[in-house]
Every structure is written in C-alpha cells, then in structure tokens.
Amino acid sequence: MPYETIEDLPDSVKDNLPKHAREIYLAAFNNAWDQYSDPEDRRGDASREETAHKVAWAAVKNEYVKEKESGKWKKK
C-alpha cells in the first residue's frame, strides 16, 4: 500500500517528523514497497509493509537524528 502524499502517512510519522523527513520517508517507503515485493527478497518472516517501514525509517535516520532532550527530529 504505497502512500500518495505525506498526509497519507501513518500518524506516528506525521506527528513526529518535520516535513522534509516525511518526504524522505514517503519516497523510501514507496521505493521499498516496489523493491521488496518478492518475499524472497525480505529478511526472515517480515511482511512487505514491515520491510518498507523499516527501510523508510532507516532513510530518515540517514539525514535526521532524534534529540534526547526534546524528542524532536533534527537534521544532522
């Protein structure tokens, strides 16, 4: 279930990430959704959706870090 816009993302993403990070998440999720459509390409028993979310979070963490004090995501 690829997302069409950042407004379609789960609340856990929309409510926590700045706009640019949400854009990264959206692009990474949709790309991973396509890339990992075959179960043989995924690790273990992970579903297609679970794998896409993991890839998307990893992409965000390449450019953003969550501050311990405030809990807000900031660009590295």
Protein backbone atom coordinates (compact mmCIF):
# COMPACT_ATOMS: atom_id res chain seq x y z
CA MET A 1 0.00 0.00 0.00
CA PRO A 2 2.20 2.83 -1.20
CA TYR A 3 1.41 6.31 0.04
CA GLU A 4 0.43 9.04 -2.41
CA THR A 5 1.12 12.08 -0.22
CA ILE A 6 2.77 12.84 3.11
CA GLU A 7 -0.71 13.44 4.53
CA ASP A 8 -1.43 9.73 3.92
CA LEU A 9 1.46 8.59 6.12
CA PRO A 10 0.74 6.95 9.49
CA ASP A 11 0.16 9.29 12.43
CA SER A 12 3.36 8.04 14.08
CA VAL A 13 5.26 9.52 11.15
CA LYS A 14 3.15 12.64 10.53
CA ASP A 15 3.07 13.63 14.19
CA ASN A 16 6.80 13.31 14.77
CA LEU A 17 8.81 14.13 11.67
CA PRO A 18 9.44 17.51 10.05
CA LYS A 19 8.12 17.93 6.51
CA HIS A 20 11.39 17.14 4.72
CA ALA A 21 11.84 13.97 6.78
CA ARG A 22 8.27 12.92 5.91
CA GLU A 23 9.10 13.42 2.24
CA ILE A 24 12.15 11.17 2.65
CA TYR A 25 10.02 8.59 4.45
CA LEU A 26 7.38 8.63 1.71
CA ALA A 27 9.89 8.18 -1.10
CA ALA A 28 11.82 5.45 0.71
CA PHE A 29 8.68 3.56 1.71
CA ASN A 30 7.26 3.58 -1.81
CA ASN A 31 10.58 2.53 -3.32
CA ALA A 32 10.99 -0.31 -0.80
CA TRP A 33 7.37 -1.39 -1.36
CA ASP A 34 8.24 -1.97 -5.02
CA GLN A 35 11.72 -3.36 -4.40
CA TYR A 36 10.69 -5.95 -1.79
CA SER A 37 7.51 -7.26 -3.39
CA ASP A 38 9.02 -10.76 -3.58
CA PRO A 39 9.13 -12.47 -0.14
CA GLU A 40 12.49 -14.00 -1.05
CA ASP A 41 14.00 -10.50 -1.09
CA ARG A 42 12.99 -9.83 2.53
CA ARG A 43 14.68 -10.95 5.73
CA GLY A 44 13.01 -13.58 7.85
CA ASP A 45 9.23 -13.51 8.05
CA ALA A 46 8.92 -9.75 7.61
CA SER A 47 5.92 -8.63 5.62
CA ARG A 48 6.24 -6.35 2.63
CA GLU A 49 4.78 -3.47 4.64
CA GLU A 50 7.01 -4.07 7.66
CA THR A 51 10.09 -4.15 5.45
CA ALA A 52 9.08 -0.94 3.68
CA HIS A 53 8.58 0.85 7.03
CA LYS A 54 12.00 -0.31 8.25
CA VAL A 55 13.66 0.93 5.08
CA ALA A 56 11.82 4.26 5.34
CA TRP A 57 12.89 4.83 8.95
CA ALA A 58 16.48 3.96 8.05
CA ALA A 59 16.38 6.52 5.23
CA VAL A 60 15.13 9.20 7.62
CA LYS A 61 17.85 8.33 10.15
CA ASN A 62 20.49 8.90 7.48
CA GLU A 63 19.64 12.60 7.48
CA TYR A 64 17.89 13.21 10.81
CA VAL A 65 18.54 12.46 14.44
CA LYS A 66 16.08 12.41 17.32
CA GLU A 67 17.18 14.71 20.13
CA LYS A 68 17.17 13.03 23.52
CA GLU A 69 16.09 16.10 25.49
CA SER A 70 13.21 17.30 23.33
CA GLY A 71 12.36 14.12 21.44
CA LYS A 72 12.20 16.15 18.23
CA TRP A 73 13.80 15.10 14.97
CA LYS A 74 16.52 17.48 13.74
CA LYS A 75 18.56 17.48 10.53
CA LYS A 76 22.10 16.19 11.10
